[in-house]
Amino acid sequence: MGIALPPRELILHEISYTLGQDVSQRLTLTAGGNRVLHTRPIDAARLGRPVTLGGLEWAGLGDLPGSVKHCLRAPWMMASRRLGVEEVLLVDPAGWLLETDRSNVFAVVDGVLVTPPAEGRILDGVTRRALIEVARELGLPLQVRPVRRDERFEELYVSSTLKELAPVSTLNGRPIGGGPLGEALYAGFRALVLRECRSRPAS
């Protein structure tokens, strides 16, 4: 986006004030060179809580790749309010799933976990990568491949740092929900989080 990044040491210094607390942080860099650090307590009730989705055809933002996190969220917010859902599922004009406005997507199709590839049009979230790692460690059937919106989803999930892996209760008003593969994946993810936290020395 052409915005200069501040030195890594400066960013680490600024966020260190809340180290040791269970909070989420978002650092926003502006084109004018300002840094805005938002800090808030983590809402534990959001972890794994079912969400509602509505489909939205989305062609992207011109030359801006999907891997860039930006603040141009107004069209998504307006669409979610119009549809009466919590998040919108972005679908390209050809009918391929991308992600939601806040999360990556996992589905179960024909007994196999599937998730769209991070080929530049979606954000390759850290939670998404961890879930893929867990699925492979557990030997769960997994395919990272393009997913069409008209495929039959036996289970459907969204993933992000603040919700981890959450089942989709409805998509466009149609009930879906979770199931055994997603439950096994989430259990493995929680075990990975505990291992990672225990392996790091206290600051």
N, C-alpha and C. Protein backbone atom coordinates (compact mmCIF):
# COMPACT_ATOMS: atom_id res chain seq x y z
N MET A 1 0.83 -1.21 0.00
CA MET A 1 0.00 0.00 0.00
C MET A 1 0.86 1.25 0.00
N GLY A 2 2.18 1.09 -0.03
CA GLY A 2 3.06 2.25 -0.08
C GLY A 2 3.23 2.97 1.24
N ILE A 3 2.88 2.32 2.34
CA ILE A 3 3.03 2.94 3.67
C ILE A 3 4.32 2.41 4.30
N ALA A 4 5.19 3.33 4.71
CA ALA A 4 6.48 2.92 5.28
C ALA A 4 6.26 2.28 6.65
N LEU A 5 6.94 1.18 6.90
CA LEU A 5 6.84 0.49 8.19
C LEU A 5 7.84 1.09 9.17
N PRO A 6 7.41 1.33 10.41
CA PRO A 6 8.36 1.81 11.43
C PRO A 6 9.30 0.69 11.83
N PRO A 7 10.41 1.01 12.48
CA PRO A 7 11.34 -0.03 12.91
C PRO A 7 10.66 -1.06 13.81
N ARG A 8 11.02 -2.31 13.64
CA ARG A 8 10.42 -3.39 14.43
C ARG A 8 10.60 -3.15 15.92
N GLU A 9 11.77 -2.65 16.31
CA GLU A 9 12.05 -2.42 17.73
C GLU A 9 11.07 -1.41 18.33
N LEU A 10 10.70 -0.39 17.54
CA LEU A 10 9.76 0.62 18.03
C LEU A 10 8.37 0.00 18.24
N ILE A 11 7.93 -0.83 17.31
CA ILE A 11 6.63 -1.47 17.46
C ILE A 11 6.62 -2.37 18.69
N LEU A 12 7.66 -3.17 18.87
CA LEU A 12 7.73 -4.06 20.03
C LEU A 12 7.72 -3.27 21.34
N HIS A 13 8.40 -2.13 21.33
CA HIS A 13 8.43 -1.29 22.54
C HIS A 13 7.03 -0.76 22.86
N GLU A 14 6.30 -0.35 21.84
CA GLU A 14 4.97 0.22 22.07
C GLU A 14 3.96 -0.81 22.54
N ILE A 15 4.03 -2.01 22.03
CA ILE A 15 3.05 -3.01 22.44
C ILE A 15 3.43 -3.70 23.74
N SER A 16 4.67 -3.49 24.21
CA SER A 16 5.13 -4.20 25.41
C SER A 16 4.42 -3.74 26.68
N TYR A 17 3.74 -2.59 26.63
CA TYR A 17 3.06 -2.09 27.83
C TYR A 17 1.96 -3.02 28.31
N THR A 18 1.41 -3.83 27.42
CA THR A 18 0.33 -4.72 27.82
C THR A 18 0.76 -6.18 27.85
N LEU A 19 2.05 -6.45 27.75
CA LEU A 19 2.51 -7.83 27.84
C LEU A 19 2.14 -8.41 29.20
N GLY A 20 1.74 -9.66 29.21
CA GLY A 20 1.35 -10.30 30.45
C GLY A 20 -0.14 -10.24 30.70
N GLN A 21 -0.85 -9.39 29.95
CA GLN A 21 -2.31 -9.32 30.06
C GLN A 21 -2.94 -10.08 28.91
N ASP A 22 -4.14 -10.59 29.15
CA ASP A 22 -4.86 -11.36 28.14
C ASP A 22 -5.67 -10.39 27.29
N VAL A 23 -5.02 -9.77 26.32
CA VAL A 23 -5.67 -8.75 25.50
C VAL A 23 -5.39 -9.00 24.02
N SER A 24 -6.19 -8.35 23.19
CA SER A 24 -5.91 -8.31 21.76
C SER A 24 -5.42 -6.91 21.41
N GLN A 25 -4.55 -6.85 20.42
CA GLN A 25 -4.00 -5.57 20.00
C GLN A 25 -4.10 -5.46 18.48
N ARG A 26 -4.38 -4.25 18.02
CA ARG A 26 -4.34 -3.97 16.59
C ARG A 26 -3.60 -2.67 16.38
N LEU A 27 -2.53 -2.74 15.63
CA LEU A 27 -1.74 -1.56 15.31
C LEU A 27 -2.08 -1.11 13.90
N THR A 28 -2.61 0.09 13.77
CA THR A 28 -2.97 0.64 12.46
C THR A 28 -1.95 1.69 12.06
N LEU A 29 -1.41 1.52 10.85
CA LEU A 29 -0.49 2.50 10.29
C LEU A 29 -1.24 3.34 9.27
N THR A 30 -1.11 4.65 9.36
CA THR A 30 -1.79 5.52 8.41
C THR A 30 -0.82 6.06 7.38
N ALA A 31 -1.38 6.52 6.27
CA ALA A 31 -0.55 7.06 5.19
C ALA A 31 0.21 8.30 5.66
N GLY A 32 -0.31 8.98 6.68
CA GLY A 32 0.36 10.17 7.21
C GLY A 32 1.48 9.87 8.18
N GLY A 33 1.74 8.58 8.41
CA GLY A 33 2.84 8.20 9.29
C GLY A 33 2.45 8.02 10.75
N ASN A 34 1.16 8.04 11.05
CA ASN A 34 0.72 7.84 12.42
C ASN A 34 0.55 6.36 12.74
N ARG A 35 0.66 6.04 14.01
CA ARG A 35 0.43 4.67 14.49
C ARG A 35 -0.65 4.74 15.56
N VAL A 36 -1.69 3.91 15.39
CA VAL A 36 -2.80 3.88 16.34
C VAL A 36 -2.87 2.46 16.91
N LEU A 37 -2.64 2.34 18.21
CA LEU A 37 -2.64 1.03 18.84
C LEU A 37 -3.94 0.86 19.65
N HIS A 38 -4.76 -0.09 19.22
CA HIS A 38 -6.00 -0.41 19.92
C HIS A 38 -5.75 -1.64 20.79
N THR A 39 -6.08 -1.54 22.06
CA THR A 39 -5.92 -2.66 22.99
C THR A 39 -7.24 -2.88 23.71
N ARG A 40 -7.68 -4.13 23.76
CA ARG A 40 -8.92 -4.44 24.47
C ARG A 40 -8.84 -5.85 25.03
N PRO A 41 -9.59 -6.13 26.09
CA PRO A 41 -9.60 -7.49 26.65
C PRO A 41 -10.14 -8.49 25.63
N ILE A 42 -9.62 -9.70 25.68
CA ILE A 42 -10.12 -10.76 24.80
C ILE A 42 -11.48 -11.23 25.32
N ASP A 43 -12.44 -11.33 24.44
CA ASP A 43 -13.78 -11.81 24.79
C ASP A 43 -13.79 -13.33 24.66
N ALA A 44 -13.61 -14.03 25.77
CA ALA A 44 -13.54 -15.49 25.74
C ALA A 44 -14.83 -16.12 25.23
N ALA A 45 -15.94 -15.39 25.32
CA ALA A 45 -17.22 -15.94 24.85
C ALA A 45 -17.25 -16.10 23.33
N ARG A 46 -16.35 -15.41 22.63
CA ARG A 46 -16.33 -15.51 21.17
C ARG A 46 -15.62 -16.76 20.68
N LEU A 47 -14.80 -17.37 21.52
CA LEU A 47 -14.00 -18.52 21.09
C LEU A 47 -14.90 -19.71 20.77
N GLY A 48 -14.89 -20.13 19.52
CA GLY A 48 -15.67 -21.29 19.11
C GLY A 48 -17.16 -21.07 19.04
N ARG A 49 -17.64 -19.85 19.26
CA ARG A 49 -19.08 -19.59 19.25
C ARG A 49 -19.61 -19.61 17.81
N PRO A 50 -20.74 -20.28 17.56
CA PRO A 50 -21.30 -20.32 16.20
C PRO A 50 -21.57 -18.93 15.65
N VAL A 51 -21.39 -18.77 14.34
CA VAL A 51 -21.63 -17.49 13.67
C VAL A 51 -22.56 -17.70 12.49
N THR A 52 -23.19 -16.61 12.07
CA THR A 52 -24.07 -16.64 10.90
C THR A 52 -23.38 -15.93 9.74
N LEU A 53 -23.52 -16.50 8.54
CA LEU A 53 -22.89 -15.94 7.35
C LEU A 53 -23.92 -15.67 6.26
N GLY A 54 -23.62 -14.68 5.43
CA GLY A 54 -24.38 -14.43 4.22
C GLY A 54 -23.41 -14.23 3.07
N GLY A 55 -23.72 -14.78 1.91
CA GLY A 55 -22.82 -14.68 0.77
C GLY A 55 -22.82 -13.29 0.15
N LEU A 56 -21.65 -12.87 -0.32
CA LEU A 56 -21.50 -11.58 -0.99
C LEU A 56 -20.52 -11.73 -2.14
N GLU A 57 -20.97 -11.45 -3.36
CA GLU A 57 -20.04 -11.49 -4.50
C GLU A 57 -19.03 -10.36 -4.36
N TRP A 58 -17.75 -10.70 -4.52
CA TRP A 58 -16.69 -9.74 -4.25
C TRP A 58 -15.58 -9.90 -5.27
N ALA A 59 -15.30 -8.83 -6.00
CA ALA A 59 -14.27 -8.88 -7.04
C ALA A 59 -12.93 -8.34 -6.56
N GLY A 60 -12.84 -7.95 -5.29
CA GLY A 60 -11.59 -7.42 -4.76
C GLY A 60 -11.52 -5.91 -4.87
N LEU A 61 -10.38 -5.38 -4.45
CA LEU A 61 -10.16 -3.93 -4.44
C LEU A 61 -9.08 -3.55 -5.45
N GLY A 62 -9.35 -3.84 -6.71
CA GLY A 62 -8.41 -3.46 -7.75
C GLY A 62 -7.07 -4.16 -7.60
N ASP A 63 -6.00 -3.36 -7.52
CA ASP A 63 -4.66 -3.92 -7.44
C ASP A 63 -4.26 -4.32 -6.02
N LEU A 64 -5.12 -4.06 -5.04
CA LEU A 64 -4.77 -4.37 -3.66
C LEU A 64 -4.98 -5.86 -3.41
N PRO A 65 -3.93 -6.61 -3.08
CA PRO A 65 -4.08 -8.06 -2.89
C PRO A 65 -4.88 -8.38 -1.64
N GLY A 66 -5.47 -9.56 -1.64
CA GLY A 66 -6.27 -9.98 -0.49
C GLY A 66 -5.46 -10.19 0.76
N SER A 67 -4.15 -10.33 0.63
CA SER A 67 -3.29 -10.56 1.79
C SER A 67 -3.06 -9.29 2.61
N VAL A 68 -3.48 -8.13 2.08
CA VAL A 68 -3.27 -6.86 2.78
C VAL A 68 -4.43 -6.59 3.72
N LYS A 69 -4.12 -6.33 4.98
CA LYS A 69 -5.17 -5.95 5.93
C LYS A 69 -5.35 -4.44 5.86
N HIS A 70 -6.58 -4.02 5.58
CA HIS A 70 -6.86 -2.61 5.39
C HIS A 70 -8.10 -2.23 6.17
N CYS A 71 -8.45 -0.96 6.14
CA CYS A 71 -9.59 -0.44 6.90
C CYS A 71 -10.79 -0.14 6.02
N LEU A 72 -10.79 -0.61 4.77
CA LEU A 72 -11.90 -0.35 3.86
C LEU A 72 -12.97 -1.41 4.06
N ARG A 73 -13.63 -1.37 5.19
CA ARG A 73 -14.59 -2.41 5.56
C ARG A 73 -16.05 -1.98 5.43
N ALA A 74 -16.29 -0.76 5.05
CA ALA A 74 -17.66 -0.25 5.01
C ALA A 74 -18.59 -1.10 4.13
N PRO A 75 -18.18 -1.50 2.91
CA PRO A 75 -19.11 -2.32 2.10
C PRO A 75 -19.48 -3.64 2.77
N TRP A 76 -18.52 -4.24 3.46
CA TRP A 76 -18.80 -5.51 4.14
C TRP A 76 -19.73 -5.30 5.32
N MET A 77 -19.50 -4.24 6.10
CA MET A 77 -20.35 -3.97 7.25
C MET A 77 -21.78 -3.69 6.80
N MET A 78 -21.93 -2.91 5.74
CA MET A 78 -23.27 -2.61 5.24
C MET A 78 -23.96 -3.86 4.72
N ALA A 79 -23.21 -4.74 4.06
CA ALA A 79 -23.79 -5.97 3.53
C ALA A 79 -24.22 -6.90 4.65
N SER A 80 -23.40 -7.02 5.68
CA SER A 80 -23.76 -7.91 6.80
C SER A 80 -25.01 -7.41 7.51
N ARG A 81 -25.13 -6.09 7.66
CA ARG A 81 -26.35 -5.53 8.28
C ARG A 81 -27.57 -5.76 7.41
N ARG A 82 -27.39 -5.58 6.11
CA ARG A 82 -28.52 -5.77 5.18
C ARG A 82 -28.99 -7.23 5.19
N LEU A 83 -28.04 -8.15 5.29
CA LEU A 83 -28.37 -9.58 5.27
C LEU A 83 -28.75 -10.11 6.64
N GLY A 84 -28.50 -9.31 7.69
CA GLY A 84 -28.83 -9.75 9.03
C GLY A 84 -27.94 -10.87 9.54
N VAL A 85 -26.64 -10.80 9.20
CA VAL A 85 -25.68 -11.84 9.60
C VAL A 85 -24.49 -11.18 10.29
N GLU A 86 -23.65 -12.02 10.89
CA GLU A 86 -22.48 -11.50 11.60
C GLU A 86 -21.30 -11.22 10.68
N GLU A 87 -21.14 -12.04 9.65
CA GLU A 87 -20.05 -11.86 8.70
C GLU A 87 -20.54 -12.18 7.31
N VAL A 88 -19.85 -11.62 6.31
CA VAL A 88 -20.19 -11.95 4.92
C VAL A 88 -19.12 -12.87 4.35
N LEU A 89 -19.60 -13.88 3.63
CA LEU A 89 -18.72 -14.83 2.96
C LEU A 89 -18.44 -14.30 1.56
N LEU A 90 -17.19 -13.93 1.31
CA LEU A 90 -16.81 -13.33 0.03
C LEU A 90 -16.64 -14.41 -1.03
N VAL A 91 -17.33 -14.23 -2.14
CA VAL A 91 -17.31 -15.18 -3.25
C VAL A 91 -16.96 -14.40 -4.51
N ASP A 92 -15.99 -14.91 -5.28
CA ASP A 92 -15.61 -14.16 -6.48
C ASP A 92 -16.68 -14.32 -7.56
N PRO A 93 -16.63 -13.49 -8.62
CA PRO A 93 -17.69 -13.54 -9.65
C PRO A 93 -17.83 -14.89 -10.33
N ALA A 94 -16.80 -15.73 -10.28
CA ALA A 94 -16.89 -17.06 -10.90
C ALA A 94 -17.46 -18.11 -9.94
N GLY A 95 -17.75 -17.71 -8.70
CA GLY A 95 -18.37 -18.65 -7.77
C GLY A 95 -17.41 -19.36 -6.84
N TRP A 96 -16.16 -18.90 -6.74
CA TRP A 96 -15.18 -19.53 -5.85
C TRP A 96 -15.15 -18.81 -4.50
N LEU A 97 -15.14 -19.59 -3.42
CA LEU A 97 -15.06 -19.02 -2.09
C LEU A 97 -13.70 -18.39 -1.86
N LEU A 98 -13.70 -17.26 -1.15
CA LEU A 98 -12.46 -16.61 -0.77
C LEU A 98 -12.27 -16.71 0.75
N GLU A 99 -12.94 -15.86 1.49
CA GLU A 99 -12.86 -15.80 2.95
C GLU A 99 -14.06 -15.00 3.41
N THR A 100 -14.18 -14.73 4.70
CA THR A 100 -15.19 -13.79 5.14
C THR A 100 -14.50 -12.45 5.36
N ASP A 101 -15.28 -11.46 5.78
CA ASP A 101 -14.68 -10.14 6.00
C ASP A 101 -13.82 -10.12 7.24
N ARG A 102 -13.84 -11.18 8.07
CA ARG A 102 -13.02 -11.21 9.28
C ARG A 102 -12.28 -12.53 9.50
N SER A 103 -12.52 -13.52 8.65
CA SER A 103 -12.05 -14.87 8.97
C SER A 103 -11.66 -15.63 7.72
N ASN A 104 -10.89 -16.68 7.93
CA ASN A 104 -10.66 -17.69 6.89
C ASN A 104 -11.77 -18.74 6.98
N VAL A 105 -11.86 -19.58 5.98
CA VAL A 105 -12.96 -20.53 5.87
C VAL A 105 -12.43 -21.96 5.76
N PHE A 106 -13.07 -22.86 6.50
CA PHE A 106 -12.84 -24.30 6.38
C PHE A 106 -14.20 -24.96 6.19
N ALA A 107 -14.25 -25.99 5.35
CA ALA A 107 -15.49 -26.73 5.14
C ALA A 107 -15.18 -28.22 5.13
N VAL A 108 -16.20 -29.02 5.26
CA VAL A 108 -16.09 -30.46 5.08
C VAL A 108 -16.95 -30.83 3.89
N VAL A 109 -16.31 -31.40 2.87
CA VAL A 109 -16.99 -31.82 1.65
C VAL A 109 -16.64 -33.28 1.39
N ASP A 110 -17.63 -34.14 1.31
CA ASP A 110 -17.41 -35.58 1.08
C ASP A 110 -16.44 -36.16 2.11
N GLY A 111 -16.59 -35.73 3.38
CA GLY A 111 -15.77 -36.28 4.45
C GLY A 111 -14.35 -35.77 4.50
N VAL A 112 -14.04 -34.69 3.77
CA VAL A 112 -12.69 -34.14 3.71
C VAL A 112 -12.72 -32.67 4.10
N LEU A 113 -11.80 -32.26 4.98
CA LEU A 113 -11.64 -30.84 5.28
C LEU A 113 -11.06 -30.14 4.05
N VAL A 114 -11.65 -29.02 3.68
CA VAL A 114 -11.13 -28.24 2.55
C VAL A 114 -11.06 -26.78 2.97
N THR A 115 -10.06 -26.08 2.44
CA THR A 115 -9.92 -24.64 2.68
C THR A 115 -9.32 -24.01 1.42
N PRO A 116 -9.79 -22.84 1.03
CA PRO A 116 -9.25 -22.20 -0.18
C PRO A 116 -7.76 -21.90 -0.03
N PRO A 117 -7.01 -21.99 -1.12
CA PRO A 117 -5.57 -21.71 -1.06
C PRO A 117 -5.28 -20.23 -0.87
N ALA A 118 -4.18 -19.96 -0.20
CA ALA A 118 -3.73 -18.57 -0.01
C ALA A 118 -2.82 -18.22 -1.19
N GLU A 119 -3.47 -17.86 -2.32
CA GLU A 119 -2.70 -17.58 -3.54
C GLU A 119 -2.70 -16.11 -3.88
N GLY A 120 -2.90 -15.27 -2.84
CA GLY A 120 -2.83 -13.84 -3.05
C GLY A 120 -4.15 -13.12 -2.94
N ARG A 121 -5.25 -13.88 -2.98
CA ARG A 121 -6.57 -13.23 -2.92
C ARG A 121 -7.18 -13.25 -1.52
N ILE A 122 -6.59 -14.01 -0.60
CA ILE A 122 -7.09 -14.06 0.77
C ILE A 122 -5.93 -13.82 1.72
N LEU A 123 -6.28 -13.51 2.96
CA LEU A 123 -5.27 -13.37 4.00
C LEU A 123 -4.91 -14.75 4.52
N ASP A 124 -3.63 -15.07 4.52
CA ASP A 124 -3.15 -16.35 5.05
C ASP A 124 -3.01 -16.21 6.56
N GLY A 125 -4.12 -16.33 7.27
CA GLY A 125 -4.14 -16.07 8.70
C GLY A 125 -3.27 -17.03 9.50
N VAL A 126 -2.76 -16.55 10.61
CA VAL A 126 -1.91 -17.39 11.46
C VAL A 126 -2.72 -18.55 12.03
N THR A 127 -3.98 -18.32 12.37
CA THR A 127 -4.82 -19.41 12.87
C THR A 127 -5.11 -20.42 11.77
N ARG A 128 -5.33 -19.94 10.56
CA ARG A 128 -5.51 -20.85 9.42
C ARG A 128 -4.30 -21.75 9.26
N ARG A 129 -3.10 -21.17 9.30
CA ARG A 129 -1.88 -21.97 9.13
C ARG A 129 -1.75 -22.99 10.26
N ALA A 130 -2.08 -22.57 11.49
CA ALA A 130 -1.98 -23.50 12.63
C ALA A 130 -2.98 -24.64 12.48
N LEU A 131 -4.18 -24.35 12.01
CA LEU A 131 -5.18 -25.40 11.83
C LEU A 131 -4.76 -26.39 10.75
N ILE A 132 -4.17 -25.90 9.68
CA ILE A 132 -3.66 -26.80 8.63
C ILE A 132 -2.56 -27.69 9.20
N GLU A 133 -1.67 -27.09 10.01
CA GLU A 133 -0.61 -27.87 10.64
C GLU A 133 -1.19 -28.96 11.54
N VAL A 134 -2.20 -28.60 12.33
CA VAL A 134 -2.82 -29.56 13.25
C VAL A 134 -3.50 -30.69 12.47
N ALA A 135 -4.23 -30.34 11.41
CA ALA A 135 -4.91 -31.36 10.61
C ALA A 135 -3.92 -32.37 10.06
N ARG A 136 -2.77 -31.90 9.61
CA ARG A 136 -1.76 -32.81 9.05
C ARG A 136 -1.12 -33.65 10.15
N GLU A 137 -0.88 -33.05 11.32
CA GLU A 137 -0.31 -33.81 12.43
C GLU A 137 -1.26 -34.91 12.88
N LEU A 138 -2.55 -34.64 12.89
CA LEU A 138 -3.54 -35.62 13.34
C LEU A 138 -3.92 -36.62 12.26
N GLY A 139 -3.47 -36.37 11.04
CA GLY A 139 -3.83 -37.26 9.94
C GLY A 139 -5.27 -37.10 9.48
N LEU A 140 -5.85 -35.93 9.72
CA LEU A 140 -7.21 -35.69 9.26
C LEU A 140 -7.20 -35.47 7.75
N PRO A 141 -8.22 -35.94 7.06
CA PRO A 141 -8.27 -35.71 5.61
C PRO A 141 -8.39 -34.22 5.32
N LEU A 142 -7.46 -33.70 4.54
CA LEU A 142 -7.40 -32.26 4.29
C LEU A 142 -6.98 -31.98 2.87
N GLN A 143 -7.65 -31.03 2.25
CA GLN A 143 -7.25 -30.54 0.93
C GLN A 143 -7.25 -29.02 0.95
N VAL A 144 -6.13 -28.44 0.50
CA VAL A 144 -6.06 -27.00 0.30
C VAL A 144 -6.29 -26.80 -1.20
N ARG A 145 -7.50 -26.39 -1.53
CA ARG A 145 -7.89 -26.32 -2.95
C ARG A 145 -9.00 -25.29 -3.13
N PRO A 146 -9.22 -24.85 -4.37
CA PRO A 146 -10.36 -23.96 -4.62
C PRO A 146 -11.66 -24.63 -4.24
N VAL A 147 -12.56 -23.86 -3.66
CA VAL A 147 -13.85 -24.38 -3.20
C VAL A 147 -14.97 -23.55 -3.83
N ARG A 148 -15.93 -24.25 -4.44
CA ARG A 148 -17.05 -23.55 -5.07
C ARG A 148 -18.18 -23.36 -4.06
N ARG A 149 -18.93 -22.28 -4.27
CA ARG A 149 -20.01 -21.97 -3.34
C ARG A 149 -21.16 -22.97 -3.43
N ASP A 150 -21.27 -23.70 -4.56
CA ASP A 150 -22.38 -24.64 -4.71
C ASP A 150 -22.02 -26.06 -4.30
N GLU A 151 -20.84 -26.25 -3.69
CA GLU A 151 -20.51 -27.57 -3.17
C GLU A 151 -21.36 -27.86 -1.94
N ARG A 152 -21.54 -29.15 -1.65
CA ARG A 152 -22.37 -29.54 -0.51
C ARG A 152 -21.51 -29.56 0.74
N PHE A 153 -21.73 -28.58 1.63
CA PHE A 153 -20.95 -28.46 2.85
C PHE A 153 -21.59 -29.29 3.96
N GLU A 154 -20.88 -30.33 4.38
CA GLU A 154 -21.37 -31.14 5.49
C GLU A 154 -21.10 -30.45 6.82
N GLU A 155 -20.02 -29.71 6.89
CA GLU A 155 -19.67 -28.88 8.04
C GLU A 155 -19.06 -27.60 7.47
N LEU A 156 -19.20 -26.50 8.19
CA LEU A 156 -18.62 -25.24 7.73
C LEU A 156 -18.14 -24.44 8.93
N TYR A 157 -16.92 -23.86 8.81
CA TYR A 157 -16.29 -23.16 9.92
C TYR A 157 -15.62 -21.89 9.42
N VAL A 158 -15.45 -20.94 10.36
CA VAL A 158 -14.59 -19.78 10.12
C VAL A 158 -13.50 -19.79 11.18
N SER A 159 -12.34 -19.27 10.81
CA SER A 159 -11.22 -19.27 11.75
C SER A 159 -10.56 -17.90 11.80
N SER A 160 -10.18 -17.51 13.01
CA SER A 160 -9.42 -16.28 13.22
C SER A 160 -8.82 -16.35 14.61
N THR A 161 -7.91 -15.43 14.90
CA THR A 161 -7.26 -15.44 16.20
C THR A 161 -8.26 -15.23 17.32
N LEU A 162 -9.24 -14.36 17.12
CA LEU A 162 -10.16 -14.01 18.20
C LEU A 162 -11.36 -14.94 18.32
N LYS A 163 -11.58 -15.83 17.34
CA LYS A 163 -12.66 -16.81 17.48
C LYS A 163 -12.15 -18.23 17.36
N GLU A 164 -10.86 -18.41 17.02
CA GLU A 164 -10.23 -19.72 16.84
C GLU A 164 -10.95 -20.47 15.72
N LEU A 165 -11.69 -21.53 16.02
CA LEU A 165 -12.43 -22.25 14.97
C LEU A 165 -13.90 -22.28 15.39
N ALA A 166 -14.75 -21.59 14.63
CA ALA A 166 -16.15 -21.44 15.01
C ALA A 166 -17.04 -22.04 13.94
N PRO A 167 -18.00 -22.87 14.32
CA PRO A 167 -18.92 -23.43 13.33
C PRO A 167 -19.86 -22.36 12.78
N VAL A 168 -20.23 -22.52 11.53
CA VAL A 168 -21.20 -21.62 10.90
C VAL A 168 -22.59 -22.21 11.12
N SER A 169 -23.40 -21.52 11.88
CA SER A 169 -24.74 -22.05 12.18
C SER A 169 -25.65 -21.98 10.97
N THR A 170 -25.59 -20.85 10.23
CA THR A 170 -26.39 -20.72 9.01
C THR A 170 -25.60 -19.99 7.95
N LEU A 171 -25.83 -20.36 6.69
CA LEU A 171 -25.27 -19.67 5.53
C LEU A 171 -26.44 -19.28 4.64
N ASN A 172 -26.65 -17.99 4.48
CA ASN A 172 -27.80 -17.48 3.73
C ASN A 172 -29.11 -18.05 4.28
N GLY A 173 -29.17 -18.19 5.60
CA GLY A 173 -30.37 -18.69 6.24
C GLY A 173 -30.50 -20.20 6.28
N ARG A 174 -29.59 -20.92 5.62
CA ARG A 174 -29.66 -22.38 5.59
C ARG A 174 -28.81 -22.96 6.71
N PRO A 175 -29.39 -23.81 7.58
CA PRO A 175 -28.61 -24.39 8.69
C PRO A 175 -27.49 -25.29 8.17
N ILE A 176 -26.31 -25.17 8.81
CA ILE A 176 -25.19 -26.06 8.48
C ILE A 176 -24.61 -26.62 9.78
N GLY A 177 -23.84 -25.82 10.48
CA GLY A 177 -23.28 -26.26 11.76
C GLY A 177 -21.98 -27.03 11.62
N GLY A 178 -21.51 -27.51 12.76
CA GLY A 178 -20.25 -28.24 12.81
C GLY A 178 -20.47 -29.74 12.77
N GLY A 179 -19.42 -30.48 13.17
CA GLY A 179 -19.49 -31.93 13.13
C GLY A 179 -18.21 -32.55 13.64
N PRO A 180 -18.05 -33.87 13.46
CA PRO A 180 -16.91 -34.58 14.07
C PRO A 180 -15.54 -34.15 13.57
N LEU A 181 -15.40 -33.86 12.27
CA LEU A 181 -14.08 -33.47 11.78
C LEU A 181 -13.66 -32.13 12.36
N GLY A 182 -14.56 -31.17 12.38
CA GLY A 182 -14.24 -29.87 12.96
C GLY A 182 -13.96 -29.97 14.44
N GLU A 183 -14.71 -30.81 15.14
CA GLU A 183 -14.48 -30.98 16.58
C GLU A 183 -13.10 -31.56 16.84
N ALA A 184 -12.69 -32.54 16.04
CA ALA A 184 -11.36 -33.12 16.20
C ALA A 184 -10.27 -32.10 15.88
N LEU A 185 -10.50 -31.29 14.85
CA LEU A 185 -9.53 -30.26 14.48
C LEU A 185 -9.40 -29.23 15.58
N TYR A 186 -10.53 -28.80 16.14
CA TYR A 186 -10.48 -27.78 17.19
C TYR A 186 -9.81 -28.31 18.45
N ALA A 187 -10.08 -29.55 18.80
CA ALA A 187 -9.43 -30.14 19.97
C ALA A 187 -7.92 -30.19 19.77
N GLY A 188 -7.49 -30.54 18.57
CA GLY A 188 -6.06 -30.55 18.28
C GLY A 188 -5.46 -29.16 18.32
N PHE A 189 -6.21 -28.17 17.86
CA PHE A 189 -5.73 -26.79 17.90
C PHE A 189 -5.55 -26.33 19.34
N ARG A 190 -6.54 -26.60 20.21
CA ARG A 190 -6.42 -26.19 21.61
C ARG A 190 -5.22 -26.86 22.26
N ALA A 191 -4.96 -28.10 21.93
CA ALA A 191 -3.80 -28.79 22.48
C ALA A 191 -2.51 -28.13 22.00
N LEU A 192 -2.48 -27.70 20.73
CA LEU A 192 -1.30 -27.01 20.20
C LEU A 192 -1.08 -25.70 20.93
N VAL A 193 -2.15 -24.94 21.18
CA VAL A 193 -2.03 -23.67 21.89
C VAL A 193 -1.46 -23.89 23.28
N LEU A 194 -1.94 -24.89 23.98
CA LEU A 194 -1.44 -25.17 25.33
C LEU A 194 0.04 -25.55 25.30
N ARG A 195 0.41 -26.37 24.32
CA ARG A 195 1.83 -26.74 24.21
C ARG A 195 2.70 -25.53 23.94
N GLU A 196 2.27 -24.68 23.02
CA GLU A 196 3.07 -23.51 22.67
C GLU A 196 3.20 -22.57 23.86
N CYS A 197 2.12 -22.37 24.61
CA CYS A 197 2.16 -21.46 25.75
C CYS A 197 3.06 -21.99 26.85
N ARG A 198 3.01 -23.29 27.09
CA ARG A 198 3.82 -23.88 28.15
C ARG A 198 5.30 -23.91 27.81
N SER A 199 5.60 -23.93 26.49
CA SER A 199 7.01 -24.02 26.08
C SER A 199 7.73 -22.70 26.11
N ARG A 200 6.98 -21.59 26.28
CA ARG A 200 7.61 -20.27 26.26
C ARG A 200 7.87 -19.81 27.68
N PRO A 201 9.08 -19.32 27.95
CA PRO A 201 9.39 -18.85 29.31
C PRO A 201 8.59 -17.60 29.66
N ALA A 202 8.26 -17.47 30.92
CA ALA A 202 7.54 -16.28 31.39
C ALA A 202 8.43 -15.06 31.27
N SER A 203 7.82 -13.90 30.89
CA SER A 203 8.60 -12.67 30.71
C SER A 203 8.80 -11.99 32.05
